[in-house]
Every structure is written in C-alpha cells, then in structure tokens.
Amino acid sequence: MKGFLASLVSDLNTRVDAIMLGYFFPDATVGLYTMASTAAEGLYQFPVVIQRNVNPLVGKAFANNDLNRIEWIARKTRRIMWAIMFGIAAIAIFAYVPVIKHFLPGKGYEASWTAFVILLVGIVIQSGFAPMGGILFQGGKPGAQTMLMVYVVLTNIAMNLLLIPIWGINGAAAATGIAYVMQGMLIIVFAKRHLGVKLWP
C-alpha cells in the first residue's frame, strides 16, 4: 500500500502543471503547453528506462549490505546520464520547431518551444539522479518514497501557483522544471537519511 501511494502521487505530479494552467488560462493555452510537456516527458522516459535496469543492481547490493557498491552505481550512472541527456536535449531543442512545422503545419504549436526548453533544463539536471529514483523502494522504505513524492508535488503546486499567473505556459514549465530538480535533490537527502547511502558527490 505504501508503494502504491508513492506511484499514485508520482503520477499526479505529471499532471499538476496542465491542471493548474487550465485554471488560469483557456483550453487553447493548455493545449499549447501540453505539446511541450508531452514531448519533454517522452524524452524523460530514457532515464526512467535506465532506472528500471539499475533497480535490480541496487536491490542486490542492499541484499549483500554493500552500500559502497550502490554509491559506485550512483556515480557511474550520473556521469553517463548527464552526458547522454545533454546530447539528446541539444538535438531535441534544435529539432523541435522544424519537426512540429513539418508534421503539424499552421497549428502554431512551435510557440511552445520556450516552454519545452525550460522543461528540458530541469529534466537534464534531474536525469543524473533519476537512475537512483527507486533506491528507497529497493532499500525497503516505500513510505519514505511516498513522502519524497509528496514534497515534490507540493513544490510543484506552490511554484505553479506563483509562476503561472506571471509567465503563463513558461511559468508552468519553470515550476515543473524546479520540481524535477527538487526531486533529484530529495533523492540524495532521503537516501542518506533513511538508508545511509551517500549519492552525492
């Protein structure tokens, strides 16, 4: 049940920006932002896939009480993920507008480019820690994972309330980007506090 709640809150976090944007702006604006957020979430699936492959390694290390191994995995994946995601993001940033104009000509979705870039900044920063996103589950602390995601969602809501009225879709992107970075920071803090694992530096 504790693990289910963590997943539920995590899924809610991916919709906070669009829901709150819809409160302040018309559906057309939400649709514009959704184009950027959907594309960004698609790129975020790469770190998620890496996490799925890292989870068994982390779980095995916990079973062997080998915390040094976990810390080594964290350092290794962080360097690799930042290098890969920086390259992917750079390509995506330059390709975003041409691809949209090619497949959706005349729709005006290219106006979401700035929001897309802002989202990618948060995703790239967080991607270095995303492979260790399941460490609390693997370490037998699903309740701590739920609390981590609650903090992330609350941060997301607060930042959206603050930034959407000022910057519109770019504010929603900035708020969500901040929430991505916050999640990465909390993974470090919670891993140290609840598992005694040092993920940074």
N, C-alpha and C. Protein backbone atom coordinates (compact mmCIF):
# COMPACT_ATOMS: atom_id res chain seq x y z
N MET A 1 0.83 -1.21 0.00
CA MET A 1 0.00 0.00 0.00
C MET A 1 0.87 1.26 0.00
N LYS A 2 1.95 1.23 0.78
CA LYS A 2 2.84 2.39 0.80
C LYS A 2 3.47 2.63 -0.57
N GLY A 3 3.84 1.56 -1.25
CA GLY A 3 4.41 1.68 -2.59
C GLY A 3 3.39 2.18 -3.60
N PHE A 4 2.14 1.72 -3.45
CA PHE A 4 1.06 2.18 -4.33
C PHE A 4 0.85 3.69 -4.19
N LEU A 5 0.87 4.18 -2.96
CA LEU A 5 0.67 5.60 -2.73
C LEU A 5 1.78 6.43 -3.37
N ALA A 6 3.02 5.92 -3.31
CA ALA A 6 4.13 6.62 -3.94
C ALA A 6 3.93 6.75 -5.44
N SER A 7 3.48 5.66 -6.06
CA SER A 7 3.24 5.67 -7.51
C SER A 7 2.08 6.59 -7.86
N LEU A 8 1.04 6.57 -7.02
CA LEU A 8 -0.13 7.42 -7.25
C LEU A 8 0.25 8.90 -7.20
N VAL A 9 1.01 9.28 -6.19
CA VAL A 9 1.44 10.68 -6.06
C VAL A 9 2.36 11.06 -7.20
N SER A 10 3.22 10.14 -7.62
CA SER A 10 4.14 10.40 -8.73
C SER A 10 3.37 10.67 -10.02
N ASP A 11 2.32 9.88 -10.28
CA ASP A 11 1.51 10.11 -11.48
C ASP A 11 0.78 11.45 -11.40
N LEU A 12 0.31 11.80 -10.22
CA LEU A 12 -0.36 13.08 -10.04
C LEU A 12 0.59 14.23 -10.36
N ASN A 13 1.85 14.07 -10.00
CA ASN A 13 2.84 15.13 -10.21
C ASN A 13 3.00 15.47 -11.68
N THR A 14 2.79 14.50 -12.57
CA THR A 14 2.97 14.75 -14.01
C THR A 14 1.80 15.53 -14.61
N ARG A 15 0.72 15.73 -13.84
CA ARG A 15 -0.45 16.43 -14.36
C ARG A 15 -0.72 17.76 -13.67
N VAL A 16 0.01 18.04 -12.63
CA VAL A 16 -0.23 19.25 -11.86
C VAL A 16 -0.15 20.50 -12.73
N ASP A 17 0.89 20.59 -13.56
CA ASP A 17 1.09 21.80 -14.37
C ASP A 17 -0.06 22.07 -15.31
N ALA A 18 -0.50 21.05 -16.05
CA ALA A 18 -1.59 21.24 -17.01
C ALA A 18 -2.90 21.57 -16.31
N ILE A 19 -3.17 20.89 -15.19
CA ILE A 19 -4.41 21.15 -14.45
C ILE A 19 -4.44 22.60 -13.95
N MET A 20 -3.34 23.04 -13.37
CA MET A 20 -3.31 24.39 -12.82
C MET A 20 -3.28 25.45 -13.91
N LEU A 21 -2.63 25.15 -15.03
CA LEU A 21 -2.63 26.08 -16.15
C LEU A 21 -4.04 26.27 -16.67
N GLY A 22 -4.82 25.18 -16.67
CA GLY A 22 -6.21 25.25 -17.12
C GLY A 22 -7.09 26.08 -16.22
N TYR A 23 -6.69 26.25 -14.98
CA TYR A 23 -7.45 27.09 -14.05
C TYR A 23 -7.26 28.57 -14.39
N PHE A 24 -6.07 28.93 -14.84
CA PHE A 24 -5.75 30.34 -15.10
C PHE A 24 -5.95 30.75 -16.56
N PHE A 25 -5.83 29.80 -17.48
CA PHE A 25 -5.85 30.14 -18.90
C PHE A 25 -6.83 29.25 -19.67
N PRO A 26 -7.23 29.69 -20.88
CA PRO A 26 -8.18 28.90 -21.67
C PRO A 26 -7.56 27.60 -22.20
N ASP A 27 -8.43 26.74 -22.73
CA ASP A 27 -8.01 25.41 -23.20
C ASP A 27 -6.93 25.48 -24.28
N ALA A 28 -7.00 26.50 -25.13
CA ALA A 28 -6.03 26.63 -26.22
C ALA A 28 -4.61 26.78 -25.66
N THR A 29 -4.48 27.52 -24.57
CA THR A 29 -3.18 27.70 -23.94
C THR A 29 -2.69 26.40 -23.32
N VAL A 30 -3.63 25.67 -22.71
CA VAL A 30 -3.28 24.36 -22.13
C VAL A 30 -2.81 23.40 -23.23
N GLY A 31 -3.51 23.45 -24.37
CA GLY A 31 -3.12 22.59 -25.49
C GLY A 31 -1.72 22.91 -25.99
N LEU A 32 -1.40 24.18 -26.03
CA LEU A 32 -0.07 24.62 -26.46
C LEU A 32 0.99 24.08 -25.50
N TYR A 33 0.71 24.21 -24.22
CA TYR A 33 1.68 23.73 -23.22
C TYR A 33 1.79 22.21 -23.25
N THR A 34 0.67 21.54 -23.46
CA THR A 34 0.67 20.07 -23.46
C THR A 34 1.58 19.53 -24.55
N MET A 35 1.67 20.23 -25.66
CA MET A 35 2.58 19.80 -26.72
C MET A 35 4.02 19.76 -26.20
N ALA A 36 4.43 20.83 -25.51
CA ALA A 36 5.79 20.89 -24.97
C ALA A 36 6.01 19.86 -23.87
N SER A 37 5.04 19.74 -22.96
CA SER A 37 5.22 18.82 -21.83
C SER A 37 5.20 17.37 -22.27
N THR A 38 4.38 17.04 -23.26
CA THR A 38 4.34 15.66 -23.75
C THR A 38 5.66 15.28 -24.41
N ALA A 39 6.20 16.19 -25.20
CA ALA A 39 7.50 15.93 -25.83
C ALA A 39 8.60 15.78 -24.78
N ALA A 40 8.57 16.64 -23.77
CA ALA A 40 9.59 16.58 -22.71
C ALA A 40 9.46 15.28 -21.91
N GLU A 41 8.22 14.89 -21.60
CA GLU A 41 8.02 13.65 -20.86
C GLU A 41 8.48 12.44 -21.67
N GLY A 42 8.33 12.53 -22.98
CA GLY A 42 8.80 11.44 -23.84
C GLY A 42 10.30 11.26 -23.72
N LEU A 43 11.04 12.37 -23.69
CA LEU A 43 12.50 12.30 -23.54
C LEU A 43 12.88 11.82 -22.14
N TYR A 44 12.04 12.13 -21.15
CA TYR A 44 12.33 11.71 -19.78
C TYR A 44 12.22 10.19 -19.61
N GLN A 45 11.57 9.53 -20.56
CA GLN A 45 11.44 8.08 -20.44
C GLN A 45 12.78 7.37 -20.55
N PHE A 46 13.77 8.02 -21.16
CA PHE A 46 15.08 7.38 -21.26
C PHE A 46 15.71 7.18 -19.87
N PRO A 47 15.78 8.21 -19.03
CA PRO A 47 16.27 7.97 -17.67
C PRO A 47 15.43 6.97 -16.89
N VAL A 48 14.11 6.96 -17.16
CA VAL A 48 13.23 6.00 -16.48
C VAL A 48 13.59 4.57 -16.86
N VAL A 49 13.87 4.35 -18.13
CA VAL A 49 14.27 3.01 -18.59
C VAL A 49 15.58 2.59 -17.92
N ILE A 50 16.52 3.52 -17.82
CA ILE A 50 17.79 3.22 -17.14
C ILE A 50 17.53 2.86 -15.68
N GLN A 51 16.62 3.57 -15.04
CA GLN A 51 16.29 3.26 -13.64
C GLN A 51 15.76 1.84 -13.51
N ARG A 52 14.92 1.42 -14.44
CA ARG A 52 14.37 0.06 -14.39
C ARG A 52 15.48 -0.98 -14.47
N ASN A 53 16.54 -0.67 -15.17
CA ASN A 53 17.66 -1.60 -15.29
C ASN A 53 18.61 -1.52 -14.09
N VAL A 54 18.66 -0.35 -13.47
CA VAL A 54 19.53 -0.17 -12.30
C VAL A 54 18.91 -0.78 -11.04
N ASN A 55 17.57 -0.76 -10.95
CA ASN A 55 16.89 -1.24 -9.75
C ASN A 55 17.36 -2.62 -9.27
N PRO A 56 17.44 -3.63 -10.15
CA PRO A 56 17.89 -4.95 -9.68
C PRO A 56 19.32 -4.93 -9.14
N LEU A 57 20.18 -4.10 -9.71
CA LEU A 57 21.56 -3.99 -9.23
C LEU A 57 21.60 -3.39 -7.83
N VAL A 58 20.77 -2.36 -7.63
CA VAL A 58 20.70 -1.73 -6.32
C VAL A 58 20.09 -2.69 -5.30
N GLY A 59 19.05 -3.39 -5.70
CA GLY A 59 18.42 -4.36 -4.81
C GLY A 59 19.39 -5.46 -4.38
N LYS A 60 20.17 -5.94 -5.31
CA LYS A 60 21.16 -6.97 -5.00
C LYS A 60 22.22 -6.44 -4.04
N ALA A 61 22.65 -5.20 -4.26
CA ALA A 61 23.65 -4.60 -3.37
C ALA A 61 23.09 -4.44 -1.95
N PHE A 62 21.82 -4.06 -1.83
CA PHE A 62 21.21 -3.98 -0.50
C PHE A 62 21.15 -5.36 0.16
N ALA A 63 20.81 -6.37 -0.65
CA ALA A 63 20.75 -7.74 -0.11
C ALA A 63 22.10 -8.18 0.44
N ASN A 64 23.16 -7.71 -0.19
CA ASN A 64 24.52 -8.05 0.25
C ASN A 64 25.09 -7.04 1.23
N ASN A 65 24.25 -6.04 1.60
CA ASN A 65 24.68 -4.97 2.52
C ASN A 65 25.93 -4.26 2.00
N ASP A 66 25.97 -4.06 0.69
CA ASP A 66 27.12 -3.45 0.04
C ASP A 66 26.77 -2.01 -0.38
N LEU A 67 26.80 -1.10 0.58
CA LEU A 67 26.43 0.29 0.31
C LEU A 67 27.45 0.98 -0.60
N ASN A 68 28.70 0.56 -0.50
CA ASN A 68 29.72 1.14 -1.37
C ASN A 68 29.41 0.86 -2.84
N ARG A 69 28.88 -0.31 -3.12
CA ARG A 69 28.50 -0.67 -4.49
C ARG A 69 27.39 0.25 -5.00
N ILE A 70 26.43 0.54 -4.15
CA ILE A 70 25.33 1.42 -4.53
C ILE A 70 25.85 2.82 -4.84
N GLU A 71 26.75 3.31 -4.01
CA GLU A 71 27.32 4.64 -4.24
C GLU A 71 28.13 4.67 -5.53
N TRP A 72 28.81 3.58 -5.84
CA TRP A 72 29.56 3.50 -7.10
C TRP A 72 28.60 3.52 -8.30
N ILE A 73 27.50 2.77 -8.19
CA ILE A 73 26.50 2.75 -9.26
C ILE A 73 25.94 4.16 -9.48
N ALA A 74 25.69 4.88 -8.38
CA ALA A 74 25.14 6.23 -8.48
C ALA A 74 26.10 7.16 -9.21
N ARG A 75 27.39 7.10 -8.86
CA ARG A 75 28.38 7.96 -9.52
C ARG A 75 28.50 7.62 -11.00
N LYS A 76 28.56 6.34 -11.29
CA LYS A 76 28.72 5.89 -12.67
C LYS A 76 27.55 6.31 -13.55
N THR A 77 26.33 6.03 -13.09
CA THR A 77 25.15 6.36 -13.89
C THR A 77 24.95 7.86 -14.01
N ARG A 78 25.32 8.62 -12.97
CA ARG A 78 25.15 10.08 -13.02
C ARG A 78 25.98 10.68 -14.14
N ARG A 79 27.24 10.29 -14.22
CA ARG A 79 28.10 10.84 -15.28
C ARG A 79 27.60 10.45 -16.66
N ILE A 80 27.21 9.21 -16.81
CA ILE A 80 26.74 8.73 -18.11
C ILE A 80 25.44 9.42 -18.51
N MET A 81 24.50 9.51 -17.56
CA MET A 81 23.20 10.09 -17.87
C MET A 81 23.30 11.56 -18.23
N TRP A 82 24.10 12.32 -17.50
CA TRP A 82 24.23 13.73 -17.84
C TRP A 82 24.82 13.93 -19.23
N ALA A 83 25.81 13.12 -19.57
CA ALA A 83 26.41 13.25 -20.90
C ALA A 83 25.40 12.90 -22.00
N ILE A 84 24.69 11.79 -21.81
CA ILE A 84 23.73 11.35 -22.83
C ILE A 84 22.56 12.31 -22.93
N MET A 85 21.99 12.71 -21.79
CA MET A 85 20.81 13.57 -21.82
C MET A 85 21.13 14.97 -22.32
N PHE A 86 22.33 15.45 -22.06
CA PHE A 86 22.72 16.76 -22.61
C PHE A 86 22.73 16.70 -24.13
N GLY A 87 23.27 15.62 -24.67
CA GLY A 87 23.29 15.46 -26.12
C GLY A 87 21.90 15.32 -26.71
N ILE A 88 21.06 14.51 -26.07
CA ILE A 88 19.69 14.32 -26.54
C ILE A 88 18.92 15.64 -26.49
N ALA A 89 19.08 16.37 -25.38
CA ALA A 89 18.37 17.64 -25.23
C ALA A 89 18.80 18.65 -26.28
N ALA A 90 20.10 18.70 -26.56
CA ALA A 90 20.59 19.65 -27.56
C ALA A 90 19.98 19.37 -28.92
N ILE A 91 19.93 18.10 -29.29
CA ILE A 91 19.32 17.72 -30.58
C ILE A 91 17.84 18.07 -30.59
N ALA A 92 17.15 17.74 -29.49
CA ALA A 92 15.71 17.98 -29.41
C ALA A 92 15.37 19.46 -29.48
N ILE A 93 16.18 20.28 -28.85
CA ILE A 93 15.93 21.72 -28.85
C ILE A 93 15.99 22.29 -30.26
N PHE A 94 16.98 21.85 -31.03
CA PHE A 94 17.11 22.35 -32.40
C PHE A 94 16.10 21.72 -33.35
N ALA A 95 15.64 20.51 -33.04
CA ALA A 95 14.73 19.80 -33.94
C ALA A 95 13.27 20.10 -33.65
N TYR A 96 12.96 20.64 -32.49
CA TYR A 96 11.58 20.79 -32.03
C TYR A 96 10.71 21.57 -33.02
N VAL A 97 11.11 22.77 -33.34
CA VAL A 97 10.30 23.61 -34.23
C VAL A 97 10.20 23.03 -35.64
N PRO A 98 11.31 22.62 -36.29
CA PRO A 98 11.18 22.03 -37.63
C PRO A 98 10.29 20.80 -37.67
N VAL A 99 10.37 19.95 -36.66
CA VAL A 99 9.54 18.74 -36.63
C VAL A 99 8.07 19.11 -36.51
N ILE A 100 7.75 20.07 -35.63
CA ILE A 100 6.36 20.48 -35.46
C ILE A 100 5.82 21.12 -36.74
N LYS A 101 6.63 21.97 -37.36
CA LYS A 101 6.17 22.62 -38.59
C LYS A 101 5.95 21.61 -39.71
N HIS A 102 6.73 20.53 -39.68
CA HIS A 102 6.60 19.51 -40.72
C HIS A 102 5.34 18.66 -40.52
N PHE A 103 5.12 18.21 -39.28
CA PHE A 103 4.01 17.29 -39.03
C PHE A 103 2.71 18.01 -38.66
N LEU A 104 2.81 19.23 -38.11
CA LEU A 104 1.62 19.98 -37.73
C LEU A 104 1.69 21.41 -38.27
N PRO A 105 1.75 21.55 -39.59
CA PRO A 105 1.91 22.89 -40.18
C PRO A 105 0.70 23.78 -39.91
N GLY A 106 1.00 25.02 -39.60
CA GLY A 106 -0.06 26.00 -39.44
C GLY A 106 -0.84 25.92 -38.14
N LYS A 107 -0.44 25.05 -37.23
CA LYS A 107 -1.17 24.90 -35.97
C LYS A 107 -0.68 25.86 -34.88
N GLY A 108 0.52 26.40 -35.07
CA GLY A 108 1.05 27.34 -34.09
C GLY A 108 1.70 26.71 -32.88
N TYR A 109 1.89 25.40 -32.90
CA TYR A 109 2.47 24.73 -31.73
C TYR A 109 3.95 25.07 -31.52
N GLU A 110 4.59 25.63 -32.55
CA GLU A 110 6.00 25.99 -32.38
C GLU A 110 6.18 27.08 -31.32
N ALA A 111 5.08 27.76 -30.95
CA ALA A 111 5.15 28.78 -29.90
C ALA A 111 5.45 28.17 -28.53
N SER A 112 5.38 26.85 -28.42
CA SER A 112 5.65 26.18 -27.14
C SER A 112 7.13 25.84 -26.99
N TRP A 113 7.97 26.30 -27.93
CA TRP A 113 9.40 25.94 -27.90
C TRP A 113 10.08 26.39 -26.60
N THR A 114 9.82 27.60 -26.16
CA THR A 114 10.48 28.09 -24.94
C THR A 114 10.11 27.24 -23.73
N ALA A 115 8.84 26.90 -23.61
CA ALA A 115 8.40 26.03 -22.51
C ALA A 115 9.10 24.67 -22.59
N PHE A 116 9.25 24.16 -23.78
CA PHE A 116 9.94 22.88 -23.99
C PHE A 116 11.38 22.95 -23.51
N VAL A 117 12.06 24.03 -23.87
CA VAL A 117 13.46 24.20 -23.46
C VAL A 117 13.57 24.28 -21.93
N ILE A 118 12.68 25.04 -21.31
CA ILE A 118 12.71 25.17 -19.85
C ILE A 118 12.50 23.82 -19.18
N LEU A 119 11.56 23.06 -19.68
CA LEU A 119 11.31 21.72 -19.12
C LEU A 119 12.54 20.83 -19.27
N LEU A 120 13.19 20.92 -20.43
CA LEU A 120 14.36 20.08 -20.66
C LEU A 120 15.51 20.40 -19.71
N VAL A 121 15.66 21.67 -19.35
CA VAL A 121 16.71 22.03 -18.40
C VAL A 121 16.52 21.28 -17.09
N GLY A 122 15.29 21.28 -16.57
CA GLY A 122 15.00 20.56 -15.34
C GLY A 122 15.20 19.07 -15.49
N ILE A 123 14.79 18.52 -16.63
CA ILE A 123 14.90 17.08 -16.87
C ILE A 123 16.36 16.66 -16.96
N VAL A 124 17.17 17.45 -17.65
CA VAL A 124 18.59 17.10 -17.80
C VAL A 124 19.27 17.11 -16.44
N ILE A 125 19.00 18.13 -15.64
CA ILE A 125 19.62 18.19 -14.31
C ILE A 125 19.20 16.99 -13.47
N GLN A 126 17.90 16.68 -13.49
CA GLN A 126 17.39 15.58 -12.67
C GLN A 126 17.81 14.22 -13.19
N SER A 127 18.12 14.13 -14.48
CA SER A 127 18.43 12.83 -15.10
C SER A 127 19.65 12.16 -14.47
N GLY A 128 20.55 12.95 -13.91
CA GLY A 128 21.72 12.37 -13.27
C GLY A 128 21.36 11.56 -12.03
N PHE A 129 20.22 11.86 -11.43
CA PHE A 129 19.78 11.18 -10.21
C PHE A 129 18.60 10.25 -10.47
N ALA A 130 17.98 10.37 -11.64
CA ALA A 130 16.81 9.55 -11.98
C ALA A 130 17.09 8.04 -11.90
N PRO A 131 18.29 7.55 -12.33
CA PRO A 131 18.53 6.11 -12.23
C PRO A 131 18.46 5.58 -10.80
N MET A 132 18.65 6.46 -9.81
CA MET A 132 18.56 6.03 -8.41
C MET A 132 17.19 6.36 -7.82
N GLY A 133 16.24 6.68 -8.67
CA GLY A 133 14.91 7.07 -8.20
C GLY A 133 14.16 5.99 -7.47
N GLY A 134 14.56 4.73 -7.64
CA GLY A 134 13.88 3.63 -6.96
C GLY A 134 14.63 3.12 -5.74
N ILE A 135 15.64 3.87 -5.29
CA ILE A 135 16.51 3.37 -4.21
C ILE A 135 15.75 3.16 -2.90
N LEU A 136 14.76 3.99 -2.62
CA LEU A 136 14.00 3.82 -1.38
C LEU A 136 13.13 2.57 -1.42
N PHE A 137 12.57 2.27 -2.59
CA PHE A 137 11.85 1.01 -2.75
C PHE A 137 12.80 -0.17 -2.55
N GLN A 138 13.94 -0.11 -3.22
CA GLN A 138 14.89 -1.21 -3.17
C GLN A 138 15.44 -1.41 -1.76
N GLY A 139 15.54 -0.30 -1.02
CA GLY A 139 16.05 -0.37 0.35
C GLY A 139 14.98 -0.67 1.39
N GLY A 140 13.75 -0.96 0.93
CA GLY A 140 12.68 -1.33 1.85
C GLY A 140 12.05 -0.16 2.57
N LYS A 141 12.04 1.02 1.94
CA LYS A 141 11.47 2.22 2.54
C LYS A 141 10.41 2.85 1.63
N PRO A 142 9.34 2.12 1.30
CA PRO A 142 8.32 2.69 0.41
C PRO A 142 7.60 3.88 1.01
N GLY A 143 7.46 3.91 2.34
CA GLY A 143 6.82 5.06 2.97
C GLY A 143 7.63 6.33 2.77
N ALA A 144 8.95 6.20 2.84
CA ALA A 144 9.83 7.36 2.60
C ALA A 144 9.72 7.82 1.15
N GLN A 145 9.55 6.86 0.23
CA GLN A 145 9.37 7.21 -1.19
C GLN A 145 8.09 8.03 -1.38
N THR A 146 7.03 7.62 -0.67
CA THR A 146 5.77 8.37 -0.75
C THR A 146 5.95 9.79 -0.24
N MET A 147 6.64 9.95 0.89
CA MET A 147 6.85 11.28 1.45
C MET A 147 7.69 12.13 0.50
N LEU A 148 8.69 11.52 -0.11
CA LEU A 148 9.51 12.25 -1.08
C LEU A 148 8.64 12.83 -2.19
N MET A 149 7.76 12.00 -2.74
CA MET A 149 6.92 12.45 -3.84
C MET A 149 5.88 13.48 -3.38
N VAL A 150 5.43 13.37 -2.13
CA VAL A 150 4.50 14.38 -1.59
C VAL A 150 5.19 15.75 -1.56
N TYR A 151 6.44 15.77 -1.12
CA TYR A 151 7.19 17.03 -1.10
C TYR A 151 7.36 17.59 -2.52
N VAL A 152 7.62 16.70 -3.48
CA VAL A 152 7.79 17.14 -4.86
C VAL A 152 6.49 17.74 -5.40
N VAL A 153 5.38 17.06 -5.14
CA VAL A 153 4.08 17.55 -5.62
C VAL A 153 3.73 18.89 -4.98
N LEU A 154 3.97 19.03 -3.69
CA LEU A 154 3.68 20.29 -3.01
C LEU A 154 4.54 21.42 -3.58
N THR A 155 5.80 21.11 -3.87
CA THR A 155 6.67 22.10 -4.50
C THR A 155 6.13 22.49 -5.87
N ASN A 156 5.70 21.49 -6.62
CA ASN A 156 5.17 21.72 -7.96
C ASN A 156 3.93 22.62 -7.90
N ILE A 157 3.03 22.32 -6.98
CA ILE A 157 1.80 23.11 -6.84
C ILE A 157 2.13 24.56 -6.45
N ALA A 158 3.01 24.71 -5.46
CA ALA A 158 3.35 26.05 -4.99
C ALA A 158 4.01 26.88 -6.09
N MET A 159 4.93 26.28 -6.82
CA MET A 159 5.63 27.02 -7.86
C MET A 159 4.70 27.34 -9.03
N ASN A 160 3.79 26.44 -9.35
CA ASN A 160 2.82 26.73 -10.41
C ASN A 160 1.90 27.87 -10.01
N LEU A 161 1.45 27.88 -8.75
CA LEU A 161 0.61 28.98 -8.27
C LEU A 161 1.33 30.32 -8.37
N LEU A 162 2.63 30.29 -8.12
CA LEU A 162 3.42 31.52 -8.13
C LEU A 162 3.75 31.98 -9.55
N LEU A 163 4.12 31.04 -10.43
CA LEU A 163 4.69 31.42 -11.72
C LEU A 163 3.71 31.45 -12.89
N ILE A 164 2.67 30.65 -12.85
CA ILE A 164 1.73 30.64 -13.97
C ILE A 164 1.07 32.00 -14.19
N PRO A 165 0.58 32.67 -13.14
CA PRO A 165 -0.05 33.99 -13.38
C PRO A 165 0.92 35.01 -13.96
N ILE A 166 2.21 34.82 -13.73
CA ILE A 166 3.21 35.79 -14.20
C ILE A 166 3.66 35.48 -15.62
N TRP A 167 3.99 34.20 -15.88
CA TRP A 167 4.63 33.82 -17.15
C TRP A 167 3.83 32.85 -18.00
N GLY A 168 2.63 32.50 -17.60
CA GLY A 168 1.81 31.61 -18.42
C GLY A 168 2.42 30.24 -18.59
N ILE A 169 2.49 29.77 -19.85
CA ILE A 169 2.99 28.41 -20.08
C ILE A 169 4.47 28.30 -19.71
N ASN A 170 5.21 29.37 -19.87
CA ASN A 170 6.62 29.34 -19.45
C ASN A 170 6.74 29.25 -17.94
N GLY A 171 5.79 29.84 -17.24
CA GLY A 171 5.77 29.71 -15.78
C GLY A 171 5.47 28.29 -15.35
N ALA A 172 4.53 27.64 -16.05
CA ALA A 172 4.22 26.24 -15.74
C ALA A 172 5.44 25.37 -16.00
N ALA A 173 6.14 25.65 -17.09
CA ALA A 173 7.35 24.88 -17.42
C ALA A 173 8.43 25.09 -16.37
N ALA A 174 8.61 26.34 -15.94
CA ALA A 174 9.62 26.64 -14.92
C ALA A 174 9.29 25.95 -13.61
N ALA A 175 8.01 25.98 -13.23
CA ALA A 175 7.58 25.34 -11.99
C ALA A 175 7.83 23.84 -12.03
N THR A 176 7.50 23.23 -13.15
CA THR A 176 7.70 21.79 -13.29
C THR A 176 9.19 21.45 -13.35
N GLY A 177 9.96 22.30 -14.02
CA GLY A 177 11.41 22.10 -14.06
C GLY A 177 12.02 22.16 -12.67
N ILE A 178 11.55 23.10 -11.86
CA ILE A 178 12.02 23.21 -10.49
C ILE A 178 11.65 21.96 -9.70
N ALA A 179 10.45 21.44 -9.94
CA ALA A 179 10.02 20.22 -9.25
C ALA A 179 10.90 19.03 -9.64
N TYR A 180 11.29 18.95 -10.92
CA TYR A 180 12.21 17.89 -11.35
C TYR A 180 13.53 17.98 -10.57
N VAL A 181 14.09 19.17 -10.48
CA VAL A 181 15.36 19.36 -9.77
C VAL A 181 15.18 19.04 -8.29
N MET A 182 14.06 19.48 -7.72
CA MET A 182 13.76 19.20 -6.33
C MET A 182 13.72 17.70 -6.07
N GLN A 183 13.15 16.96 -6.99
CA GLN A 183 13.08 15.51 -6.83
C GLN A 183 14.48 14.90 -6.77
N GLY A 184 15.37 15.36 -7.65
CA GLY A 184 16.73 14.87 -7.65
C GLY A 184 17.44 15.16 -6.33
N MET A 185 17.24 16.36 -5.80
CA MET A 185 17.86 16.75 -4.54
C MET A 185 17.32 15.90 -3.38
N LEU A 186 16.01 15.64 -3.41
CA LEU A 186 15.40 14.87 -2.32
C LEU A 186 15.84 13.41 -2.35
N ILE A 187 16.09 12.88 -3.54
CA ILE A 187 16.62 11.51 -3.62
C ILE A 187 17.93 11.41 -2.85
N ILE A 188 18.78 12.43 -3.01
CA ILE A 188 20.06 12.45 -2.30
C ILE A 188 19.84 12.51 -0.79
N VAL A 189 18.96 13.43 -0.36
CA VAL A 189 18.72 13.65 1.07
C VAL A 189 18.08 12.42 1.71
N PHE A 190 17.07 11.86 1.06
CA PHE A 190 16.35 10.72 1.64
C PHE A 190 17.21 9.47 1.65
N ALA A 191 18.03 9.27 0.63
CA ALA A 191 18.90 8.10 0.60
C ALA A 191 19.88 8.13 1.76
N LYS A 192 20.40 9.32 2.06
CA LYS A 192 21.35 9.46 3.17
C LYS A 192 20.63 9.28 4.51
N ARG A 193 19.46 9.89 4.64
CA ARG A 193 18.75 9.89 5.92
C ARG A 193 18.17 8.52 6.26
N HIS A 194 17.56 7.87 5.28
CA HIS A 194 16.83 6.63 5.55
C HIS A 194 17.64 5.37 5.28
N LEU A 195 18.65 5.45 4.45
CA LEU A 195 19.39 4.25 4.07
C LEU A 195 20.88 4.32 4.39
N GLY A 196 21.36 5.52 4.73
CA GLY A 196 22.78 5.68 4.98
C GLY A 196 23.65 5.60 3.74
N VAL A 197 23.03 5.89 2.57
CA VAL A 197 23.73 5.83 1.29
C VAL A 197 24.04 7.25 0.82
N LYS A 198 25.28 7.51 0.48
CA LYS A 198 25.70 8.83 0.03
C LYS A 198 25.73 8.85 -1.50
N LEU A 199 24.76 9.56 -2.08
CA LEU A 199 24.65 9.62 -3.54
C LEU A 199 25.36 10.82 -4.15
N TRP A 200 25.79 11.75 -3.32
CA TRP A 200 26.46 12.96 -3.83
C TRP A 200 27.49 13.40 -2.82
N PRO A 201 28.70 13.80 -3.25
CA PRO A 201 29.14 13.85 -4.66
C PRO A 201 29.57 12.48 -5.17
